[in-house]
Amino acid sequence: MLYQRKPLKLAPCASYFSFCIFILSVLFLSLIDGCIPLTCVIH
């Protein structure tokens, strides 16, 4: 059963990658608008 479902393990990686892209795009747009609290703390 585990061997049959092994290809499905790629799905979480793809969703995690798209989630990271979404977070990066949101942070980038926030940086364009102005300083957000998270970037203020980092810098």
PDB file of N, CA and C in Angstrom:
ATOM      1  N   MET A   1       0.832  -1.193   0.000  1.00  0.00           N
ATOM      2  CA  MET A   1       0.000   0.000   0.000  1.00  0.00           C
ATOM      3  C   MET A   1       0.878   1.259   0.000  1.00  0.00           C
ATOM      4  N   LEU A   2       1.925   1.241   0.779  1.00  0.00           N
ATOM      5  CA  LEU A   2       2.802   2.416   0.819  1.00  0.00           C
ATOM      6  C   LEU A   2       3.519   2.609  -0.513  1.00  0.00           C
ATOM      7  N   TYR A   3       3.911   1.488  -1.142  1.00  0.00           N
ATOM      8  CA  TYR A   3       4.635   1.606  -2.415  1.00  0.00           C
ATOM      9  C   TYR A   3       3.719   2.096  -3.536  1.00  0.00           C
ATOM     10  N   GLN A   4       2.439   1.730  -3.469  1.00  0.00           N
ATOM     11  CA  GLN A   4       1.498   2.173  -4.500  1.00  0.00           C
ATOM     12  C   GLN A   4       1.216   3.672  -4.381  1.00  0.00           C
ATOM     13  N   ARG A   5       1.231   4.193  -3.167  1.00  0.00           N
ATOM     14  CA  ARG A   5       0.893   5.599  -2.980  1.00  0.00           C
ATOM     15  C   ARG A   5       2.133   6.490  -2.978  1.00  0.00           C
ATOM     16  N   LYS A   6       3.295   5.938  -3.251  1.00  0.00           N
ATOM     17  CA  LYS A   6       4.518   6.730  -3.167  1.00  0.00           C
ATOM     18  C   LYS A   6       4.519   7.958  -4.097  1.00  0.00           C
ATOM     19  N   PRO A   7       4.067   7.859  -5.366  1.00  0.00           N
ATOM     20  CA  PRO A   7       4.071   9.047  -6.235  1.00  0.00           C
ATOM     21  C   PRO A   7       3.249  10.205  -5.676  1.00  0.00           C
ATOM     22  N   LEU A   8       2.285   9.914  -4.811  1.00  0.00           N
ATOM     23  CA  LEU A   8       1.450  10.975  -4.252  1.00  0.00           C
ATOM     24  C   LEU A   8       2.220  11.838  -3.258  1.00  0.00           C
ATOM     25  N   LYS A   9       3.428  11.395  -2.877  1.00  0.00           N
ATOM     26  CA  LYS A   9       4.209  12.202  -1.942  1.00  0.00           C
ATOM     27  C   LYS A   9       4.701  13.496  -2.590  1.00  0.00           C
ATOM     28  N   LEU A  10       4.639  13.560  -3.916  1.00  0.00           N
ATOM     29  CA  LEU A  10       5.059  14.779  -4.605  1.00  0.00           C
ATOM     30  C   LEU A  10       4.028  15.889  -4.452  1.00  0.00           C
ATOM     31  N   ALA A  11       2.788  15.529  -4.174  1.00  0.00           N
ATOM     32  CA  ALA A  11       1.725  16.533  -4.063  1.00  0.00           C
ATOM     33  C   ALA A  11       1.993  17.535  -2.934  1.00  0.00           C
ATOM     34  N   PRO A  12       2.335  17.099  -1.718  1.00  0.00           N
ATOM     35  CA  PRO A  12       2.624  18.073  -0.658  1.00  0.00           C
ATOM     36  C   PRO A  12       3.776  18.999  -1.020  1.00  0.00           C
ATOM     37  N   CYS A  13       4.780  18.476  -1.716  1.00  0.00           N
ATOM     38  CA  CYS A  13       5.914  19.308  -2.118  1.00  0.00           C
ATOM     39  C   CYS A  13       5.463  20.394  -3.085  1.00  0.00           C
ATOM     40  N   ALA A  14       4.598  20.040  -4.024  1.00  0.00           N
ATOM     41  CA  ALA A  14       4.111  21.018  -4.998  1.00  0.00           C
ATOM     42  C   ALA A  14       3.254  22.075  -4.318  1.00  0.00           C
ATOM     43  N   SER A  15       2.395  21.649  -3.407  1.00  0.00           N
ATOM     44  CA  SER A  15       1.542  22.613  -2.707  1.00  0.00           C
ATOM     45  C   SER A  15       2.389  23.502  -1.802  1.00  0.00           C
ATOM     46  N   TYR A  16       3.426  22.927  -1.175  1.00  0.00           N
ATOM     47  CA  TYR A  16       4.321  23.710  -0.323  1.00  0.00           C
ATOM     48  C   TYR A  16       5.088  24.730  -1.148  1.00  0.00           C
ATOM     49  N   PHE A  17       5.518  24.342  -2.355  1.00  0.00           N
ATOM     50  CA  PHE A  17       6.247  25.255  -3.239  1.00  0.00           C
ATOM     51  C   PHE A  17       5.350  26.403  -3.680  1.00  0.00           C
ATOM     52  N   SER A  18       4.108  26.093  -4.063  1.00  0.00           N
ATOM     53  CA  SER A  18       3.168  27.144  -4.476  1.00  0.00           C
ATOM     54  C   SER A  18       2.838  28.051  -3.297  1.00  0.00           C
ATOM     55  N   PHE A  19       2.773  27.474  -2.093  1.00  0.00           N
ATOM     56  CA  PHE A  19       2.518  28.274  -0.893  1.00  0.00           C
ATOM     57  C   PHE A  19       3.671  29.236  -0.638  1.00  0.00           C
ATOM     58  N   CYS A  20       4.911  28.760  -0.826  1.00  0.00           N
ATOM     59  CA  CYS A  20       6.082  29.624  -0.651  1.00  0.00           C
ATOM     60  C   CYS A  20       6.068  30.754  -1.675  1.00  0.00           C
ATOM     61  N   ILE A  21       5.722  30.444  -2.914  1.00  0.00           N
ATOM     62  CA  ILE A  21       5.637  31.472  -3.956  1.00  0.00           C
ATOM     63  C   ILE A  21       4.577  32.503  -3.591  1.00  0.00           C
ATOM     64  N   PHE A  22       3.451  32.043  -3.040  1.00  0.00           N
ATOM     65  CA  PHE A  22       2.382  32.951  -2.637  1.00  0.00           C
ATOM     66  C   PHE A  22       2.857  33.875  -1.518  1.00  0.00           C
ATOM     67  N   ILE A  23       3.536  33.320  -0.524  1.00  0.00           N
ATOM     68  CA  ILE A  23       4.032  34.127   0.596  1.00  0.00           C
ATOM     69  C   ILE A  23       5.065  35.135   0.110  1.00  0.00           C
ATOM     70  N   LEU A  24       5.979  34.706  -0.778  1.00  0.00           N
ATOM     71  CA  LEU A  24       7.001  35.615  -1.299  1.00  0.00           C
ATOM     72  C   LEU A  24       6.378  36.736  -2.105  1.00  0.00           C
ATOM     73  N   SER A  25       5.359  36.433  -2.897  1.00  0.00           N
ATOM     74  CA  SER A  25       4.700  37.471  -3.696  1.00  0.00           C
ATOM     75  C   SER A  25       3.980  38.464  -2.791  1.00  0.00           C
ATOM     76  N   VAL A  26       3.350  37.964  -1.723  1.00  0.00           N
ATOM     77  CA  VAL A  26       2.664  38.856  -0.782  1.00  0.00           C
ATOM     78  C   VAL A  26       3.674  39.757  -0.078  1.00  0.00           C
ATOM     79  N   LEU A  27       4.803  39.186   0.339  1.00  0.00           N
ATOM     80  CA  LEU A  27       5.833  39.991   0.998  1.00  0.00           C
ATOM     81  C   LEU A  27       6.414  41.015   0.038  1.00  0.00           C
ATOM     82  N   PHE A  28       6.596  40.640  -1.216  1.00  0.00           N
ATOM     83  CA  PHE A  28       7.153  41.555  -2.213  1.00  0.00           C
ATOM     84  C   PHE A  28       6.202  42.726  -2.449  1.00  0.00           C
ATOM     85  N   LEU A  29       4.907  42.433  -2.584  1.00  0.00           N
ATOM     86  CA  LEU A  29       3.920  43.500  -2.777  1.00  0.00           C
ATOM     87  C   LEU A  29       3.843  44.390  -1.542  1.00  0.00           C
ATOM     88  N   SER A  30       3.995  43.802  -0.367  1.00  0.00           N
ATOM     89  CA  SER A  30       3.968  44.593   0.862  1.00  0.00           C
ATOM     90  C   SER A  30       5.183  45.510   0.933  1.00  0.00           C
ATOM     91  N   LEU A  31       6.328  45.026   0.448  1.00  0.00           N
ATOM     92  CA  LEU A  31       7.534  45.852   0.438  1.00  0.00           C
ATOM     93  C   LEU A  31       7.375  47.024  -0.520  1.00  0.00           C
ATOM     94  N   ILE A  32       6.654  46.806  -1.627  1.00  0.00           N
ATOM     95  CA  ILE A  32       6.422  47.889  -2.580  1.00  0.00           C
ATOM     96  C   ILE A  32       5.532  48.957  -1.941  1.00  0.00           C
ATOM     97  N   ASP A  33       4.491  48.528  -1.240  1.00  0.00           N
ATOM     98  CA  ASP A  33       3.573  49.479  -0.600  1.00  0.00           C
ATOM     99  C   ASP A  33       4.260  50.205   0.552  1.00  0.00           C
ATOM    100  N   GLY A  34       5.093  49.513   1.283  1.00  0.00           N
ATOM    101  CA  GLY A  34       5.780  50.129   2.416  1.00  0.00           C
ATOM    102  C   GLY A  34       6.295  49.068   3.362  1.00  0.00           C
ATOM    103  N   CYS A  35       6.874  49.524   4.455  1.00  0.00           N
ATOM    104  CA  CYS A  35       7.459  48.582   5.404  1.00  0.00           C
ATOM    105  C   CYS A  35       6.363  47.905   6.211  1.00  0.00           C
ATOM    106  N   ILE A  36       6.397  46.570   6.224  1.00  0.00           N
ATOM    107  CA  ILE A  36       5.465  45.820   7.060  1.00  0.00           C
ATOM    108  C   ILE A  36       6.208  45.404   8.330  1.00  0.00           C
ATOM    109  N   PRO A  37       5.497  45.124   9.428  1.00  0.00           N
ATOM    110  CA  PRO A  37       6.153  44.817  10.710  1.00  0.00           C
ATOM    111  C   PRO A  37       7.217  43.728  10.616  1.00  0.00           C
ATOM    112  N   LEU A  38       6.974  42.692   9.803  1.00  0.00           N
ATOM    113  CA  LEU A  38       7.930  41.587   9.708  1.00  0.00           C
ATOM    114  C   LEU A  38       9.255  42.058   9.128  1.00  0.00           C
ATOM    115  N   THR A  39       9.205  42.839   8.056  1.00  0.00           N
ATOM    116  CA  THR A  39      10.439  43.307   7.438  1.00  0.00           C
ATOM    117  C   THR A  39      11.104  44.357   8.316  1.00  0.00           C
ATOM    118  N   CYS A  40      10.312  45.112   9.068  1.00  0.00           N
ATOM    119  CA  CYS A  40      10.897  46.097   9.977  1.00  0.00           C
ATOM    120  C   CYS A  40      11.719  45.392  11.053  1.00  0.00           C
ATOM    121  N   VAL A  41      11.210  44.261  11.531  1.00  0.00           N
ATOM    122  CA  VAL A  41      11.935  43.504  12.553  1.00  0.00           C
ATOM    123  C   VAL A  41      13.205  42.905  11.963  1.00  0.00           C
ATOM    124  N   ILE A  42      13.116  42.393  10.725  1.00  0.00           N
ATOM    125  CA  ILE A  42      14.275  41.765  10.085  1.00  0.00           C
ATOM    126  C   ILE A  42      15.360  42.803   9.816  1.00  0.00           C
ATOM    127  N   HIS A  43      14.968  43.950   9.279  1.00  0.00           N
ATOM    128  CA  HIS A  43      15.953  44.983   8.979  1.00  0.00           C
ATOM    129  C   HIS A  43      16.222  45.824  10.216  1.00  0.00           C
TER     130      HIS A  43
END
